[in-house]
Amino acid sequence: MMLNDPPVAPVRRRRWAWPVVVLVGAVCAITVGLGTLGSGPTRPPRAAAALPVATLSPHAPPPATALQRLIRDRPIFFSGSTRGRVVALTFDDGPGPYTARIVAMLRHLKATATFFEIGSQIAPYRALVARMVKWGFVIGDHTWSHPNLERLSNARVRTQLVSTMKLVTKISGQQVQLVRPPYGAQNTRIRTDVGRLGLLSVLWNIDTRDWTQPGTQAIVAHALAVRAGGIILLHDGGGLRSQTLAALPAIVHGLRARGFRIVTIPQLLVIAPPTSIHY
């Protein structure tokens, strides 16, 4: 280049070329973005992960149609399905002197449970029952005085159930949805009465026989025989329950070691609803 030559044009071009490049790039990016929004992702989205049990309300009923079907059909509900590898711990015959310690142990273990409580025993434990519901435990109806319902008239069956339902609802603010007939005694007439009250009868398929006080190790062995979808029967009332209390850590740790998640009965019905119904 000669000294008398005019300034080189490319220098001036560099001064305005960058804004042009940036502008063109921005237009392209916007175009691609709009195209992406319109056409959707090029790859199918990954399936959503299963809802963690922790995010499910322990009190939430199963989908209305499923619950209505179960109530309408009046089944003998022993367990859920094997879906989700969940199991439910259930306790009968409280509240009593051991209930608070059992609840404290479950909270320490970060485990939940469903308690089927006797209405006539609740009064001294009203504050505990209210706290149990706030802590995520579910309270079910175990009648007012633990009679064999098969031996009662329809009117007395209704009184036994409704009295406990009303008291638990008043104390906890949660509507009672579940009932466990004492001794598991039920028949078509009882299931009809229960269904008319909008309740679902819940039995069990694993009896730890802790009520016989067979020893801590025997209680643990019975509980760990459960399969996915199983409902385990334990007791927080009705007698000395020190063996049951002592068995809880081994039961909870053993279930988790086998890959089970411990849930409430309403959660079980959401995650692993029964696929077969017995009458």
Protein backbone atom coordinates (compact mmCIF):
# COMPACT_ATOMS: atom_id res chain seq x y z
CA MET A 1 0.00 0.00 0.00
CA MET A 2 1.31 3.46 -0.98
CA LEU A 3 1.54 6.33 1.55
CA ASN A 4 -0.78 8.56 -0.53
CA ASP A 5 -3.52 5.95 -0.79
CA PRO A 6 -6.91 6.79 0.88
CA PRO A 7 -7.78 5.09 4.15
CA VAL A 8 -8.42 1.41 3.67
CA ALA A 9 -12.11 0.65 3.31
CA PRO A 10 -12.05 -2.65 5.27
CA VAL A 11 -11.18 -0.74 8.45
CA ARG A 12 -14.46 1.16 8.23
CA ARG A 13 -16.29 -2.06 7.37
CA ARG A 14 -15.02 -3.67 10.58
CA ARG A 15 -16.56 -0.81 12.59
CA TRP A 16 -20.11 -1.59 11.45
CA ALA A 17 -19.76 -5.28 10.61
CA TRP A 18 -19.93 -6.44 14.25
CA PRO A 19 -23.35 -4.92 14.93
CA VAL A 20 -24.64 -6.56 11.78
CA VAL A 21 -23.28 -9.93 12.79
CA VAL A 22 -24.80 -9.62 16.25
CA LEU A 23 -28.15 -8.56 14.80
CA VAL A 24 -28.21 -11.45 12.34
CA GLY A 25 -27.26 -13.89 15.10
CA ALA A 26 -30.04 -12.61 17.33
CA VAL A 27 -32.60 -12.95 14.53
CA CYS A 28 -31.47 -16.52 13.89
CA ALA A 29 -31.66 -17.37 17.57
CA ILE A 30 -35.18 -15.96 17.84
CA THR A 31 -36.25 -17.84 14.73
CA VAL A 32 -34.86 -21.11 16.04
CA GLY A 33 -36.46 -20.51 19.42
CA LEU A 34 -39.85 -19.83 17.90
CA GLY A 35 -39.51 -22.91 15.73
CA THR A 36 -38.68 -24.97 18.77
CA LEU A 37 -41.69 -23.68 20.65
CA GLY A 38 -43.96 -24.43 17.76
CA SER A 39 -42.68 -27.86 16.89
CA GLY A 40 -41.97 -29.18 20.39
CA PRO A 41 -38.84 -30.99 21.52
CA THR A 42 -37.02 -33.12 19.02
CA ARG A 43 -36.84 -35.94 21.56
CA PRO A 44 -39.75 -37.27 23.58
CA PRO A 45 -39.57 -36.06 27.19
CA ARG A 46 -38.51 -38.54 29.81
CA ALA A 47 -41.31 -40.09 31.78
CA ALA A 48 -42.01 -38.30 35.02
CA ALA A 49 -40.60 -39.99 38.07
CA ALA A 50 -43.03 -41.69 40.41
CA LEU A 51 -44.39 -39.36 43.04
CA PRO A 52 -42.33 -39.85 46.20
CA VAL A 53 -44.32 -41.20 49.12
CA ALA A 54 -43.19 -38.23 51.19
CA THR A 55 -45.13 -35.85 48.93
CA LEU A 56 -48.36 -37.78 49.26
CA SER A 57 -50.63 -36.66 52.05
CA PRO A 58 -50.90 -39.53 54.53
CA HIS A 59 -54.60 -38.69 54.89
CA ALA A 60 -55.39 -38.26 51.20
CA PRO A 61 -58.02 -40.74 50.03
CA PRO A 62 -57.44 -42.72 46.86
CA PRO A 63 -59.04 -41.39 43.69
CA ALA A 64 -62.75 -40.96 44.41
CA THR A 65 -63.87 -43.55 41.90
CA ALA A 66 -61.55 -46.19 43.38
CA LEU A 67 -62.65 -45.47 46.94
CA GLN A 68 -66.32 -45.43 45.96
CA ARG A 69 -65.89 -48.73 44.14
CA LEU A 70 -64.31 -50.34 47.19
CA ILE A 71 -67.01 -49.01 49.49
CA ARG A 72 -69.77 -49.96 47.06
CA ASP A 73 -68.46 -53.49 46.55
CA ARG A 74 -67.96 -53.93 50.32
CA PRO A 75 -64.90 -56.14 50.03
CA ILE A 76 -62.76 -57.79 52.65
CA PHE A 77 -59.66 -55.65 52.14
CA PHE A 78 -56.56 -57.57 53.24
CA SER A 79 -53.76 -55.96 51.23
CA GLY A 80 -52.83 -53.84 48.26
CA SER A 81 -51.08 -54.92 45.08
CA THR A 82 -47.36 -55.48 44.60
CA ARG A 83 -46.97 -52.20 42.70
CA GLY A 84 -44.56 -49.73 44.24
CA ARG A 85 -43.11 -52.11 46.85
CA VAL A 86 -44.96 -50.47 49.71
CA VAL A 87 -46.21 -51.95 52.98
CA ALA A 88 -48.39 -50.52 55.74
CA LEU A 89 -47.86 -50.75 59.49
CA THR A 90 -51.15 -50.72 61.42
CA PHE A 91 -51.80 -50.63 65.16
CA ASP A 92 -54.98 -51.67 67.00
CA ASP A 93 -56.63 -51.29 70.41
CA GLY A 94 -55.20 -47.94 71.53
CA PRO A 95 -54.77 -45.34 72.58
CA GLY A 96 -53.13 -46.57 75.74
CA PRO A 97 -50.06 -46.22 77.95
CA TYR A 98 -47.71 -47.40 75.18
CA THR A 99 -49.15 -45.31 72.33
CA ALA A 100 -47.03 -42.20 72.94
CA ARG A 101 -43.83 -44.27 73.12
CA ILE A 102 -44.71 -46.19 69.96
CA VAL A 103 -45.46 -42.93 68.14
CA ALA A 104 -42.20 -41.40 69.39
CA MET A 105 -40.26 -44.43 68.16
CA LEU A 106 -41.90 -44.29 64.73
CA ARG A 107 -41.10 -40.59 64.46
CA HIS A 108 -37.50 -41.28 65.46
CA LEU A 109 -37.35 -43.92 62.71
CA LYS A 110 -39.07 -41.53 60.26
CA ALA A 111 -41.78 -44.14 59.66
CA THR A 112 -45.53 -43.67 59.42
CA ALA A 113 -48.47 -45.87 60.41
CA THR A 114 -52.25 -46.15 60.64
CA PHE A 115 -53.79 -46.47 64.11
CA PHE A 116 -57.23 -48.06 64.58
CA GLU A 117 -58.30 -46.65 67.92
CA ILE A 118 -61.10 -47.45 70.38
CA GLY A 119 -63.37 -44.46 70.97
CA SER A 120 -64.00 -45.01 74.69
CA GLN A 121 -60.24 -44.92 75.38
CA ILE A 122 -59.49 -41.66 73.57
CA ALA A 123 -60.52 -39.09 76.21
CA PRO A 124 -57.28 -39.19 78.29
CA TYR A 125 -55.24 -39.05 75.09
CA ARG A 126 -57.07 -36.32 73.16
CA ALA A 127 -53.98 -34.13 72.83
CA LEU A 128 -51.87 -37.08 71.69
CA VAL A 129 -54.41 -38.10 69.05
CA ALA A 130 -54.52 -34.54 67.70
CA ARG A 131 -50.72 -34.42 67.51
CA MET A 132 -50.55 -37.81 65.83
CA VAL A 133 -52.66 -36.53 62.96
CA LYS A 134 -50.52 -33.38 62.65
CA TRP A 135 -47.42 -35.56 62.56
CA GLY A 136 -48.78 -37.54 59.59
CA PHE A 137 -50.27 -40.61 61.25
CA VAL A 138 -53.75 -41.76 60.22
CA ILE A 139 -56.47 -42.58 62.76
CA GLY A 140 -59.04 -45.22 61.86
CA ASP A 141 -62.21 -46.38 63.63
CA HIS A 142 -61.93 -49.47 65.85
CA THR A 143 -65.45 -49.02 67.30
CA TRP A 144 -66.38 -47.43 70.62
CA SER A 145 -65.90 -50.38 72.99
CA HIS A 146 -64.35 -53.21 70.92
CA PRO A 147 -67.34 -55.58 70.62
CA ASN A 148 -67.77 -58.36 68.10
CA LEU A 149 -69.94 -56.50 65.57
CA GLU A 150 -71.47 -59.70 64.24
CA ARG A 151 -73.29 -60.08 67.55
CA LEU A 152 -74.84 -56.61 67.48
CA SER A 153 -77.96 -55.25 65.81
CA ASN A 154 -77.61 -52.85 62.91
CA ALA A 155 -78.50 -49.91 65.17
CA ARG A 156 -75.83 -50.82 67.71
CA VAL A 157 -73.23 -51.36 64.99
CA ARG A 158 -73.95 -47.87 63.70
CA THR A 159 -73.68 -46.38 67.21
CA GLN A 160 -70.33 -48.10 67.80
CA LEU A 161 -68.90 -46.72 64.58
CA VAL A 162 -70.46 -43.25 64.44
CA SER A 163 -69.54 -42.39 68.04
CA THR A 164 -65.86 -42.99 67.37
CA MET A 165 -65.97 -41.31 63.96
CA LYS A 166 -67.42 -38.11 65.41
CA LEU A 167 -64.97 -37.98 68.32
CA VAL A 168 -61.88 -38.51 66.15
CA THR A 169 -63.07 -35.93 63.62
CA LYS A 170 -63.76 -33.40 66.40
CA ILE A 171 -60.31 -33.88 67.92
CA SER A 172 -58.21 -34.13 64.78
CA GLY A 173 -60.14 -32.18 62.17
CA GLN A 174 -59.69 -35.14 59.81
CA GLN A 175 -62.61 -37.11 58.43
CA VAL A 176 -62.42 -40.79 59.39
CA GLN A 177 -62.35 -42.98 56.27
CA LEU A 178 -61.26 -46.38 57.55
CA VAL A 179 -62.59 -48.92 60.01
CA ARG A 180 -61.19 -52.17 61.36
CA PRO A 181 -63.78 -54.50 62.89
CA PRO A 182 -62.59 -55.89 66.24
CA TYR A 183 -61.23 -59.42 65.94
CA GLY A 184 -61.60 -59.03 62.16
CA ALA A 185 -65.18 -60.17 62.65
CA GLN A 186 -67.32 -59.13 59.71
CA ASN A 187 -69.91 -60.44 57.30
CA THR A 188 -72.04 -59.11 54.48
CA ARG A 189 -74.37 -57.30 56.90
CA ILE A 190 -71.49 -55.58 58.69
CA ARG A 191 -69.84 -54.58 55.44
CA THR A 192 -73.15 -53.14 54.26
CA ASP A 193 -73.47 -51.05 57.44
CA VAL A 194 -69.86 -49.89 57.12
CA GLY A 195 -70.33 -48.95 53.48
CA ARG A 196 -73.46 -46.93 54.22
CA LEU A 197 -71.37 -44.81 56.59
CA GLY A 198 -68.88 -44.13 53.79
CA LEU A 199 -66.18 -46.20 55.45
CA LEU A 200 -63.81 -48.81 54.08
CA SER A 201 -63.10 -51.94 56.14
CA VAL A 202 -59.39 -52.67 56.43
CA LEU A 203 -58.12 -56.03 57.68
CA TRP A 204 -54.57 -57.39 57.33
CA ASN A 205 -52.56 -60.20 55.79
CA ILE A 206 -49.68 -60.29 58.30
CA ASP A 207 -50.49 -60.88 61.96
CA THR A 208 -47.40 -60.38 64.12
CA ARG A 209 -49.28 -61.97 67.04
CA ASP A 210 -47.72 -59.36 69.29
CA TRP A 211 -50.89 -59.51 71.40
CA THR A 212 -49.71 -62.93 72.64
CA GLN A 213 -46.37 -61.42 73.74
CA PRO A 214 -44.33 -64.07 71.89
CA GLY A 215 -41.03 -62.19 72.29
CA THR A 216 -39.44 -59.38 70.31
CA GLN A 217 -37.67 -61.62 67.81
CA ALA A 218 -40.87 -63.51 66.99
CA ILE A 219 -42.73 -60.25 66.36
CA VAL A 220 -39.95 -59.07 64.06
CA ALA A 221 -39.88 -62.38 62.17
CA HIS A 222 -43.64 -62.31 61.60
CA ALA A 223 -43.53 -58.71 60.35
CA LEU A 224 -40.65 -59.29 57.95
CA ALA A 225 -42.53 -62.15 56.29
CA VAL A 226 -44.63 -59.50 54.54
CA ARG A 227 -44.75 -59.12 50.75
CA ALA A 228 -45.23 -55.97 48.71
CA GLY A 229 -48.64 -54.43 49.30
CA GLY A 230 -48.96 -56.11 52.66
CA ILE A 231 -50.73 -54.79 55.75
CA ILE A 232 -49.01 -55.64 59.04
CA LEU A 233 -51.06 -55.94 62.23
CA LEU A 234 -49.51 -54.69 65.48
CA HIS A 235 -51.01 -53.30 68.71
CA ASP A 236 -50.47 -50.11 70.67
CA GLY A 237 -53.12 -50.97 73.29
CA GLY A 238 -54.94 -53.85 74.88
CA GLY A 239 -52.17 -54.93 77.21
CA LEU A 240 -48.42 -54.77 77.75
CA ARG A 241 -46.78 -53.64 74.52
CA SER A 242 -43.12 -53.38 75.53
CA GLN A 243 -42.23 -56.20 73.12
CA THR A 244 -43.96 -54.41 70.26
CA LEU A 245 -42.12 -51.20 71.09
CA ALA A 246 -38.78 -53.02 71.23
CA ALA A 247 -39.46 -54.75 67.90
CA LEU A 248 -40.12 -51.57 65.93
CA PRO A 249 -36.52 -50.58 65.04
CA ALA A 250 -35.74 -54.05 63.67
CA ILE A 251 -39.04 -54.14 61.78
CA VAL A 252 -38.57 -50.74 60.14
CA HIS A 253 -34.90 -51.27 59.30
CA GLY A 254 -35.63 -54.79 58.04
CA LEU A 255 -38.44 -53.63 55.76
CA ARG A 256 -36.29 -50.87 54.31
CA ALA A 257 -33.38 -53.25 53.79
CA ARG A 258 -35.72 -55.33 51.62
CA GLY A 259 -36.56 -52.28 49.52
CA PHE A 260 -40.00 -51.57 51.01
CA ARG A 261 -41.43 -48.11 51.64
CA ILE A 262 -43.62 -47.79 54.71
CA VAL A 263 -46.89 -45.94 54.05
CA THR A 264 -50.29 -45.24 55.56
CA ILE A 265 -53.38 -47.14 54.39
CA PRO A 266 -54.65 -44.18 52.27
CA GLN A 267 -51.21 -43.95 50.63
CA LEU A 268 -51.24 -47.71 50.01
CA LEU A 269 -54.58 -47.37 48.21
CA VAL A 270 -53.12 -44.63 45.99
CA ILE A 271 -49.81 -46.32 45.20
CA ALA A 272 -50.77 -50.01 45.20
CA PRO A 273 -54.57 -50.37 45.03
CA PRO A 274 -55.81 -53.95 45.38
CA THR A 275 -56.15 -55.80 42.11
CA SER A 276 -58.35 -58.56 43.54
CA ILE A 277 -61.24 -58.28 45.96
CA HIS A 278 -62.45 -60.93 48.39
CA TYR A 279 -66.01 -61.18 49.73
